[in-house]
Amino acid sequence: MYVAVRGGPPGLAITRVSTTLAAVDAQVATVQRAFAFAGLGAIAAAAVLAWLLSREVARPLVELGDAARAIADGGPPAFPGSNVPEIAQHIVALRAMHRQLDQRFLDLVHEREETATLIETMADGVVAADARGGIVMLNQAARRLLGFGPDDPFPALAELFYDKAARELVAAALAARETEPRELERDGRILLVSGRALPNAGALLVIRDVTELRHLEAVRRDFVANVSHELKTPLTSIVGYAETLATESSAGTQTERFARIILSNAKRMQRLVDDLLDLSRIESGRWQPTLARLDVVSLAGDAWAAFADRARERRVEFTAAATGGRELTADPDAVREVFTNLFDNALRHTPPGGRIVVSVEAAPGGGGTTVAVADTGSGIAPEHLPRIFERFYRADPGRSREEGGTGLGLAIVKHLVEAHGGRIEARSTLGRGTTIRIFFPAAEVAV
């Protein structure tokens, strides 16, 4: 390797300097070796430092993961220690979560044990099933009521009943549909079965033994029917003698006034006895509707004829109209009795100048007919409304007694409607009137 430079001492034009490449290569190799050794040392130092740091950071994280898995498996977790602030915060948070989960798990266990104890001590049978119908929980009362021993295998929910109504109830509960309680007879006992869907898509059945209750109801119906029947003969005699005394007594005398009072109360007792006999006959199932096609508007007008004079004196207006059809299939005598009781009740509570309206409309899809009787009377307080169809229940006892009500009219109406497979409901606003809505399902007339 050489270098020539122009100039130099006087008389010389060019100065040239040269050396061998071996010396240059030796210097370069020396520098390269120095850099290589320094790089390898730096890499080794960095590796050692990274290994130490990774052990300090990764080991607590791995142990923290093991502790989380132990918590998930229900075992005792081993929490690591760490000097890294961020990891230490996670360890503290996991410890607090573990304590809270332990406390909540204990609370759930206690609640489950209390619930299981309550269910086992219930007199009603309780059966719970999953979405597939497999039994997941039942109490001893359910085994006893359904005729299974303590160790007998329990079938799936869909195979539990042979009665069609009960099987439909189970299917509806599993499908999360609304169901009405059903009665069925099993081993000589009457069971009331109600079903409800569970949040996990399963179903819950509650089974109640109502054998004794139905027996007492039958005894009560027979007693009321027998007593009412026995009262008819003496009441007829009292009414006859009272009418004779009232007719033969001089007008305005004390005898005539007392006879009129006796006659009025005797006739009231006759109406009460007749209503009791009708209600007992309907409740006992001895009465069955004789279906026929009838014009509801015309029948309502015929039933109103008995109240026309009273309504005229009190200036109460009556209208009846139909929307989309005025015919239904029902027992004419029963529908006339329904209108008679509803009109009597409405007229008794409607002030002078009021209005009573009967409206008839066909249910959507031809599934039946809805009949509504609305008045502009005093209305019923909300606390009384759910109980107005109970026998002898009066929202205003004093006024009902003064006007001769027996307290059985709406109860008879309810049972007559339900005997047709229908339903009844009442809506009312104090001071604005009451509306009774009745739904009659579609039915075929037997030929």
Protein backbone atom coordinates (compact mmCIF):
# COMPACT_ATOMS: atom_id res chain seq x y z
CA MET A 1 0.00 0.00 0.00
CA TYR A 2 1.58 3.31 -1.01
CA VAL A 3 0.77 7.02 -1.15
CA ALA A 4 2.41 9.62 -3.50
CA VAL A 5 2.33 13.32 -2.55
CA ARG A 6 3.35 16.16 -4.86
CA GLY A 7 5.95 18.56 -3.38
CA GLY A 8 8.58 17.88 -0.79
CA PRO A 9 12.29 19.07 -0.48
CA PRO A 10 13.58 21.48 -3.14
CA GLY A 11 14.46 19.72 -6.35
CA LEU A 12 12.08 16.80 -5.71
CA ALA A 13 8.66 16.79 -7.49
CA ILE A 14 6.97 13.83 -5.79
CA THR A 15 7.19 12.17 -2.37
CA ARG A 16 5.99 8.53 -2.17
CA VAL A 17 5.44 6.57 1.05
CA SER A 18 4.55 2.82 1.08
CA THR A 19 4.08 -0.05 3.51
CA THR A 20 2.95 -3.69 3.41
CA LEU A 21 -0.75 -4.71 3.84
CA ALA A 22 0.18 -7.28 6.47
CA ALA A 23 0.75 -4.52 9.03
CA VAL A 24 -2.65 -2.94 8.23
CA ASP A 25 -4.41 -6.31 8.50
CA ALA A 26 -2.74 -6.96 11.83
CA GLN A 27 -4.04 -3.67 13.27
CA VAL A 28 -7.57 -4.28 11.94
CA ALA A 29 -7.62 -7.81 13.36
CA THR A 30 -6.55 -6.48 16.75
CA VAL A 31 -9.39 -3.98 16.78
CA GLN A 32 -11.93 -6.61 15.63
CA ARG A 33 -10.90 -9.04 18.36
CA ALA A 34 -11.28 -6.31 20.96
CA PHE A 35 -14.79 -5.48 19.72
CA ALA A 36 -15.78 -9.17 19.54
CA PHE A 37 -14.68 -9.85 23.11
CA ALA A 38 -16.44 -6.71 24.34
CA GLY A 39 -19.69 -7.70 22.49
CA LEU A 40 -19.63 -11.25 23.82
CA GLY A 41 -19.11 -9.94 27.32
CA ALA A 42 -22.00 -7.52 26.99
CA ILE A 43 -24.30 -10.27 25.65
CA ALA A 44 -23.36 -12.62 28.49
CA ALA A 45 -23.92 -9.90 31.08
CA ALA A 46 -27.30 -9.02 29.54
CA ALA A 47 -28.34 -12.69 29.49
CA VAL A 48 -27.46 -13.15 33.15
CA LEU A 49 -29.30 -9.95 34.08
CA ALA A 50 -32.36 -10.95 32.02
CA TRP A 51 -32.40 -14.40 33.63
CA LEU A 52 -32.28 -12.89 37.10
CA LEU A 53 -35.02 -10.39 36.28
CA SER A 54 -37.21 -13.04 34.63
CA ARG A 55 -36.97 -15.24 37.71
CA GLU A 56 -38.00 -12.32 39.90
CA VAL A 57 -40.99 -11.46 37.66
CA ALA A 58 -42.07 -14.76 36.04
CA ARG A 59 -41.88 -17.02 39.10
CA PRO A 60 -44.53 -15.07 41.08
CA LEU A 61 -46.71 -14.89 37.97
CA VAL A 62 -46.52 -18.65 37.47
CA GLU A 63 -47.27 -19.27 41.14
CA LEU A 64 -50.09 -16.74 40.94
CA GLY A 65 -51.60 -18.73 38.05
CA ASP A 66 -51.29 -21.94 40.09
CA ALA A 67 -53.08 -20.24 42.98
CA ALA A 68 -55.91 -19.10 40.66
CA ARG A 69 -56.33 -22.66 39.34
CA ALA A 70 -56.40 -23.99 42.91
CA ILE A 71 -59.17 -21.51 43.76
CA ALA A 72 -61.13 -22.60 40.68
CA ASP A 73 -60.75 -26.27 41.69
CA GLY A 74 -61.85 -25.55 45.26
CA GLY A 75 -58.49 -26.36 46.84
CA PRO A 76 -56.33 -24.26 49.21
CA PRO A 77 -54.25 -21.79 47.16
CA ALA A 78 -50.55 -20.99 47.86
CA PHE A 79 -49.99 -17.28 47.27
CA PRO A 80 -46.43 -16.22 46.27
CA GLY A 81 -44.45 -13.24 47.53
CA SER A 82 -42.97 -10.59 45.25
CA ASN A 83 -40.98 -7.40 45.56
CA VAL A 84 -42.34 -6.07 42.29
CA PRO A 85 -45.08 -3.53 43.23
CA GLU A 86 -47.34 -4.33 40.28
CA ILE A 87 -47.25 -8.08 40.94
CA ALA A 88 -47.67 -7.55 44.67
CA GLN A 89 -50.90 -5.61 43.98
CA HIS A 90 -52.27 -8.53 41.94
CA ILE A 91 -51.40 -10.95 44.74
CA VAL A 92 -53.24 -8.78 47.29
CA ALA A 93 -56.29 -8.52 44.99
CA LEU A 94 -56.34 -12.31 44.48
CA ARG A 95 -56.16 -12.88 48.24
CA ALA A 96 -59.13 -10.55 48.81
CA MET A 97 -61.11 -12.27 46.02
CA HIS A 98 -60.37 -15.67 47.59
CA ARG A 99 -61.67 -14.50 50.97
CA GLN A 100 -64.85 -13.07 49.41
CA LEU A 101 -65.46 -16.23 47.38
CA ASP A 102 -65.01 -18.37 50.48
CA GLN A 103 -67.52 -16.25 52.40
CA ARG A 104 -70.04 -16.26 49.58
CA PHE A 105 -69.64 -20.01 49.11
CA LEU A 106 -70.30 -20.56 52.82
CA ASP A 107 -73.38 -18.31 52.60
CA LEU A 108 -74.64 -20.26 49.58
CA VAL A 109 -74.08 -23.56 51.37
CA HIS A 110 -76.02 -22.30 54.41
CA GLU A 111 -78.87 -21.01 52.20
CA ARG A 112 -78.96 -24.30 50.29
CA GLU A 113 -79.11 -26.28 53.53
CA GLU A 114 -81.87 -24.04 54.89
CA THR A 115 -83.83 -24.31 51.64
CA ALA A 116 -83.43 -28.09 51.57
CA THR A 117 -84.60 -28.30 55.19
CA LEU A 118 -87.63 -26.11 54.47
CA ILE A 119 -88.55 -28.15 51.39
CA GLU A 120 -88.22 -31.43 53.28
CA THR A 121 -90.46 -30.18 56.08
CA MET A 122 -93.18 -28.97 53.69
CA ALA A 123 -96.46 -30.84 53.61
CA ASP A 124 -96.72 -30.12 49.87
CA GLY A 125 -94.75 -32.18 47.42
CA VAL A 126 -92.01 -30.36 45.47
CA VAL A 127 -90.42 -31.76 42.31
CA ALA A 128 -87.78 -29.87 40.29
CA ALA A 129 -86.51 -30.98 36.88
CA ASP A 130 -83.88 -29.77 34.44
CA ALA A 131 -84.49 -28.68 30.85
CA ARG A 132 -84.53 -32.32 29.66
CA GLY A 133 -87.10 -33.35 32.27
CA GLY A 134 -84.68 -35.20 34.54
CA ILE A 135 -85.49 -34.94 38.26
CA VAL A 136 -82.88 -32.87 40.11
CA MET A 137 -84.67 -32.38 43.42
CA LEU A 138 -87.72 -33.72 45.24
CA ASN A 139 -88.85 -34.00 48.84
CA GLN A 140 -90.31 -36.87 50.82
CA ALA A 141 -93.80 -35.37 50.62
CA ALA A 142 -93.70 -35.71 46.82
CA ARG A 143 -92.68 -39.38 47.12
CA ARG A 144 -95.46 -40.01 49.62
CA LEU A 145 -98.18 -38.21 47.63
CA LEU A 146 -97.21 -39.92 44.36
CA GLY A 147 -96.88 -43.37 45.93
CA PHE A 148 -93.09 -43.84 45.81
CA GLY A 149 -91.04 -45.28 48.65
CA PRO A 150 -87.94 -43.55 50.13
CA ASP A 151 -85.58 -45.67 48.00
CA ASP A 152 -87.74 -46.24 44.91
CA PRO A 153 -86.30 -44.88 41.65
CA PHE A 154 -88.11 -41.76 40.49
CA PRO A 155 -89.05 -41.54 36.79
CA ALA A 156 -88.46 -38.57 34.52
CA LEU A 157 -90.89 -35.68 34.83
CA ALA A 158 -92.61 -36.45 31.51
CA GLU A 159 -93.30 -40.04 32.67
CA LEU A 160 -94.49 -39.12 36.15
CA PHE A 161 -98.21 -38.82 35.36
CA TYR A 162 -100.60 -40.85 33.23
CA ASP A 163 -103.42 -38.31 33.47
CA LYS A 164 -103.72 -36.26 30.27
CA ALA A 165 -104.34 -32.96 32.06
CA ALA A 166 -101.28 -33.43 34.30
CA ARG A 167 -99.08 -34.39 31.33
CA GLU A 168 -100.20 -31.25 29.50
CA LEU A 169 -99.34 -29.20 32.58
CA VAL A 170 -95.83 -30.75 32.72
CA ALA A 171 -95.27 -30.10 29.01
CA ALA A 172 -96.42 -26.49 29.39
CA ALA A 173 -94.14 -25.92 32.40
CA LEU A 174 -91.12 -27.36 30.54
CA ALA A 175 -91.96 -25.11 27.58
CA ALA A 176 -92.15 -22.06 29.92
CA ARG A 177 -95.85 -21.47 29.17
CA GLU A 178 -98.37 -20.18 31.70
CA THR A 179 -100.45 -22.97 33.22
CA GLU A 180 -103.44 -23.26 35.51
CA PRO A 181 -103.36 -25.72 38.45
CA ARG A 182 -104.86 -29.11 37.62
CA GLU A 183 -106.57 -31.62 39.86
CA LEU A 184 -105.99 -35.35 39.45
CA GLU A 185 -106.89 -38.45 41.40
CA ARG A 186 -104.13 -40.83 42.44
CA ASP A 187 -104.51 -43.81 44.75
CA GLY A 188 -107.87 -42.55 45.96
CA ARG A 189 -106.58 -39.07 46.82
CA ILE A 190 -107.22 -35.75 45.06
CA LEU A 191 -104.01 -33.90 44.23
CA LEU A 192 -103.76 -30.29 43.07
CA VAL A 193 -100.72 -29.96 40.79
CA SER A 194 -99.33 -26.58 39.78
CA GLY A 195 -96.33 -26.03 37.52
CA ARG A 196 -93.91 -23.20 36.90
CA ALA A 197 -90.91 -22.77 34.64
CA LEU A 198 -87.49 -22.34 36.28
CA PRO A 199 -84.90 -19.75 35.17
CA ASN A 200 -82.57 -22.52 33.90
CA ALA A 201 -85.27 -23.74 31.48
CA GLY A 202 -86.33 -26.50 33.87
CA ALA A 203 -89.67 -26.88 35.62
CA LEU A 204 -90.97 -26.93 39.18
CA LEU A 205 -94.09 -28.83 40.27
CA VAL A 206 -95.89 -28.29 43.56
CA ILE A 207 -98.29 -31.06 44.59
CA ARG A 208 -100.90 -30.44 47.28
CA ASP A 209 -103.22 -33.00 48.82
CA VAL A 210 -106.70 -31.44 48.73
CA THR A 211 -108.65 -34.60 49.49
CA GLU A 212 -109.80 -33.41 52.91
CA LEU A 213 -110.55 -29.94 51.59
CA ARG A 214 -112.72 -31.30 48.78
CA HIS A 215 -114.47 -33.58 51.27
CA LEU A 216 -115.22 -30.61 53.53
CA GLU A 217 -116.48 -28.62 50.54
CA ALA A 218 -118.79 -31.47 49.61
CA VAL A 219 -120.07 -31.67 53.18
CA ARG A 220 -120.62 -27.93 53.21
CA ARG A 221 -122.48 -28.00 49.88
CA ASP A 222 -124.68 -30.87 51.01
CA PHE A 223 -125.39 -29.16 54.32
CA VAL A 224 -126.31 -25.87 52.64
CA ALA A 225 -128.45 -27.65 50.07
CA ASN A 226 -130.28 -29.72 52.70
CA VAL A 227 -130.86 -26.77 55.03
CA SER A 228 -132.00 -24.57 52.16
CA HIS A 229 -134.35 -27.25 50.93
CA GLU A 230 -135.82 -27.71 54.41
CA LEU A 231 -136.31 -23.94 54.77
CA LYS A 232 -138.38 -23.63 51.60
CA THR A 233 -141.55 -25.16 53.09
CA PRO A 234 -141.75 -23.05 56.28
CA LEU A 235 -140.80 -19.91 54.35
CA THR A 236 -143.60 -20.56 51.88
CA SER A 237 -146.03 -20.82 54.80
CA ILE A 238 -144.69 -17.62 56.40
CA VAL A 239 -145.04 -15.73 53.11
CA GLY A 240 -148.60 -17.00 52.63
CA TYR A 241 -149.75 -16.09 56.14
CA ALA A 242 -147.95 -12.71 56.00
CA GLU A 243 -149.66 -11.87 52.71
CA THR A 244 -153.02 -12.85 54.21
CA LEU A 245 -152.45 -10.69 57.31
CA ALA A 246 -151.24 -7.74 55.22
CA THR A 247 -154.25 -7.99 52.92
CA GLU A 248 -156.88 -8.36 55.64
CA SER A 249 -155.45 -5.73 57.98
CA SER A 250 -156.62 -2.17 57.77
CA ALA A 251 -154.29 0.11 55.86
CA GLY A 252 -151.99 2.18 58.06
CA THR A 253 -152.44 0.07 61.18
CA GLN A 254 -149.61 -1.42 63.18
CA THR A 255 -150.75 -4.92 62.27
CA GLU A 256 -150.58 -4.14 58.57
CA ARG A 257 -147.11 -2.54 58.95
CA PHE A 258 -145.75 -5.54 60.88
CA ALA A 259 -147.22 -7.94 58.35
CA ARG A 260 -145.54 -6.05 55.49
CA ILE A 261 -142.20 -6.23 57.32
CA ILE A 262 -142.62 -9.98 57.89
CA LEU A 263 -143.56 -10.46 54.24
CA SER A 264 -140.59 -8.44 52.97
CA ASN A 265 -138.05 -10.33 55.07
CA ALA A 266 -139.61 -13.70 54.30
CA LYS A 267 -139.36 -13.01 50.56
CA ARG A 268 -135.77 -11.92 51.04
CA MET A 269 -135.07 -15.21 52.81
CA GLN A 270 -136.74 -17.05 49.94
CA ARG A 271 -134.42 -15.35 47.45
CA LEU A 272 -131.44 -16.27 49.62
CA VAL A 273 -132.55 -19.90 49.85
CA ASP A 274 -133.12 -20.07 46.09
CA ASP A 275 -129.65 -18.59 45.43
CA LEU A 276 -128.05 -21.05 47.86
CA LEU A 277 -129.76 -23.98 46.17
CA ASP A 278 -128.69 -22.76 42.73
CA LEU A 279 -125.09 -22.24 43.88
CA SER A 280 -124.93 -25.66 45.54
CA ARG A 281 -126.30 -27.35 42.43
CA ILE A 282 -123.76 -25.61 40.19
CA GLU A 283 -120.78 -26.21 42.51
CA SER A 284 -121.59 -29.88 42.98
CA GLY A 285 -121.52 -30.49 39.23
CA ARG A 286 -125.11 -31.70 39.14
CA TRP A 287 -125.93 -28.91 36.70
CA GLN A 288 -124.50 -29.00 33.18
CA PRO A 289 -125.19 -26.37 30.53
CA THR A 290 -127.47 -27.27 27.63
CA LEU A 291 -125.84 -25.49 24.71
CA ALA A 292 -127.77 -23.67 22.01
CA ARG A 293 -127.19 -20.83 19.58
CA LEU A 294 -128.67 -17.64 21.02
CA ASP A 295 -128.87 -13.93 20.28
CA VAL A 296 -127.10 -12.22 23.17
CA VAL A 297 -128.53 -8.75 22.52
CA SER A 298 -132.12 -10.04 22.41
CA LEU A 299 -131.57 -12.16 25.51
CA ALA A 300 -130.13 -9.17 27.36
CA GLY A 301 -133.22 -7.16 26.42
CA ASP A 302 -135.51 -9.92 27.70
CA ALA A 303 -133.64 -10.07 31.01
CA TRP A 304 -133.80 -6.27 31.33
CA ALA A 305 -137.59 -6.27 31.00
CA ALA A 306 -137.92 -7.33 34.64
CA PHE A 307 -135.97 -4.21 35.71
CA ALA A 308 -137.50 -1.72 33.29
CA ASP A 309 -139.95 -0.23 35.80
CA ARG A 310 -137.27 0.20 38.49
CA ALA A 311 -134.93 1.76 35.94
CA ARG A 312 -137.64 4.14 34.70
CA GLU A 313 -138.35 5.34 38.22
CA ARG A 314 -134.63 6.00 38.77
CA ARG A 315 -134.12 7.45 35.26
CA VAL A 316 -131.45 4.87 34.42
CA GLU A 317 -130.85 4.41 30.71
CA PHE A 318 -130.22 0.94 29.22
CA THR A 319 -128.61 0.08 25.86
CA ALA A 320 -127.37 -3.15 24.29
CA ALA A 321 -125.31 -3.39 21.11
CA ALA A 322 -123.07 -5.88 19.31
CA THR A 323 -119.83 -5.42 17.38
CA GLY A 324 -118.85 -8.08 14.85
CA GLY A 325 -121.49 -10.63 15.85
CA ARG A 326 -124.29 -10.99 18.38
CA GLU A 327 -124.59 -14.76 18.71
CA LEU A 328 -122.87 -17.26 20.98
CA THR A 329 -123.25 -20.90 21.96
CA ALA A 330 -124.35 -21.26 25.59
CA ASP A 331 -127.15 -22.32 27.88
CA PRO A 332 -129.97 -19.74 27.40
CA ASP A 333 -131.29 -20.08 30.97
CA ALA A 334 -127.79 -19.71 32.39
CA VAL A 335 -127.04 -16.60 30.30
CA ARG A 336 -130.41 -15.10 31.32
CA GLU A 337 -129.52 -15.77 34.98
CA VAL A 338 -126.13 -14.11 34.43
CA PHE A 339 -127.77 -11.00 32.97
CA THR A 340 -130.40 -10.94 35.73
CA ASN A 341 -127.81 -10.94 38.51
CA LEU A 342 -125.56 -8.41 36.78
CA PHE A 343 -128.46 -6.04 36.00
CA ASP A 344 -129.79 -6.28 39.55
CA ASN A 345 -126.35 -5.53 40.94
CA ALA A 346 -125.68 -2.67 38.50
CA LEU A 347 -129.09 -1.04 39.00
CA ARG A 348 -128.70 -1.21 42.77
CA HIS A 349 -125.46 0.81 42.63
CA THR A 350 -126.23 3.20 39.76
CA PRO A 351 -127.54 6.63 40.83
CA PRO A 352 -130.50 8.37 39.13
CA GLY A 353 -129.64 9.59 35.66
CA GLY A 354 -127.04 6.87 35.20
CA ARG A 355 -126.51 4.42 32.38
CA ILE A 356 -126.12 0.64 31.99
CA VAL A 357 -124.59 -0.62 28.72
CA VAL A 358 -124.29 -4.17 27.38
CA SER A 359 -121.75 -4.66 24.62
CA VAL A 360 -121.05 -7.86 22.68
CA GLU A 361 -118.00 -8.46 20.50
CA ALA A 362 -116.44 -11.47 18.82
CA ALA A 363 -113.02 -12.57 20.05
CA PRO A 364 -110.17 -12.32 17.48
CA GLY A 365 -109.87 -15.42 15.33
CA GLY A 366 -113.37 -16.63 16.13
CA GLY A 367 -112.30 -18.13 19.44
CA GLY A 368 -115.38 -17.03 21.35
CA THR A 369 -117.51 -14.06 22.39
CA THR A 370 -116.93 -11.34 24.98
CA VAL A 371 -119.92 -9.80 26.76
CA ALA A 372 -119.45 -6.67 28.88
CA VAL A 373 -121.96 -5.09 31.29
CA ALA A 374 -120.88 -1.55 32.26
CA ASP A 375 -122.57 0.92 34.58
CA THR A 376 -121.93 4.48 35.72
CA GLY A 377 -122.45 3.67 39.38
CA SER A 378 -120.47 4.28 42.54
CA GLY A 379 -117.67 1.88 41.59
CA ILE A 380 -115.70 -0.53 43.77
CA ALA A 381 -112.59 0.25 45.78
CA PRO A 382 -109.40 -1.53 44.59
CA GLU A 383 -109.05 -3.47 47.85
CA HIS A 384 -112.53 -4.99 47.39
CA LEU A 385 -112.28 -5.77 43.67
CA PRO A 386 -110.43 -9.15 43.90
CA ARG A 387 -113.08 -10.55 46.28
CA ILE A 388 -116.39 -9.46 44.76
CA PHE A 389 -117.01 -12.93 43.25
CA GLU A 390 -116.83 -14.63 46.65
CA ARG A 391 -120.11 -15.76 48.18
CA PHE A 392 -121.61 -13.37 50.75
CA TYR A 393 -118.86 -10.78 50.14
CA ARG A 394 -120.15 -7.21 49.99
CA ALA A 395 -118.05 -4.14 49.23
CA ASP A 396 -120.75 -2.01 50.94
CA PRO A 397 -122.56 -4.34 53.40
CA GLY A 398 -124.96 -1.74 54.79
CA ARG A 399 -126.22 -0.56 51.41
CA SER A 400 -126.54 -4.10 50.01
CA ARG A 401 -128.65 -5.24 52.95
CA GLU A 402 -130.87 -2.17 52.74
CA GLU A 403 -131.59 -2.85 49.06
CA GLY A 404 -132.18 -6.57 49.50
CA GLY A 405 -128.98 -8.06 48.08
CA THR A 406 -128.11 -11.64 49.09
CA GLY A 407 -124.37 -11.44 48.40
CA LEU A 408 -124.54 -14.49 46.13
CA GLY A 409 -125.34 -12.97 42.74
CA LEU A 410 -121.79 -12.49 41.47
CA ALA A 411 -120.72 -15.87 42.90
CA ILE A 412 -123.50 -17.54 40.89
CA VAL A 413 -122.49 -15.59 37.78
CA LYS A 414 -118.86 -16.71 38.15
CA HIS A 415 -119.78 -20.39 38.52
CA LEU A 416 -122.22 -20.28 35.59
CA VAL A 417 -119.58 -18.73 33.33
CA GLU A 418 -116.88 -21.20 34.43
CA ALA A 419 -119.30 -24.09 33.83
CA HIS A 420 -119.21 -23.01 30.15
CA GLY A 421 -115.41 -23.03 30.21
CA GLY A 422 -115.32 -19.23 30.20
CA ARG A 423 -113.84 -16.62 32.49
CA ILE A 424 -115.00 -13.40 34.15
CA GLU A 425 -113.23 -10.28 35.32
CA ALA A 426 -114.20 -6.94 36.84
CA ARG A 427 -112.77 -3.47 36.35
CA SER A 428 -113.93 -0.51 38.37
CA THR A 429 -113.11 3.07 39.29
CA LEU A 430 -114.58 4.71 42.36
CA GLY A 431 -117.19 7.26 41.40
CA ARG A 432 -117.10 6.33 37.69
CA GLY A 433 -118.65 2.87 37.50
CA THR A 434 -117.90 -0.82 37.08
CA THR A 435 -117.48 -3.07 34.05
CA ILE A 436 -117.95 -6.85 34.22
CA ARG A 437 -116.38 -8.64 31.23
CA ILE A 438 -117.35 -12.24 30.45
CA PHE A 439 -115.69 -14.46 27.87
CA PHE A 440 -117.60 -17.42 26.42
CA PRO A 441 -115.42 -19.79 24.37
CA ALA A 442 -116.58 -21.07 21.02
CA ALA A 443 -118.50 -24.36 21.26
CA GLU A 444 -120.44 -26.69 19.02
CA VAL A 445 -124.10 -27.44 19.58
CA ALA A 446 -124.75 -31.15 20.05
CA VAL A 447 -127.14 -32.53 17.43
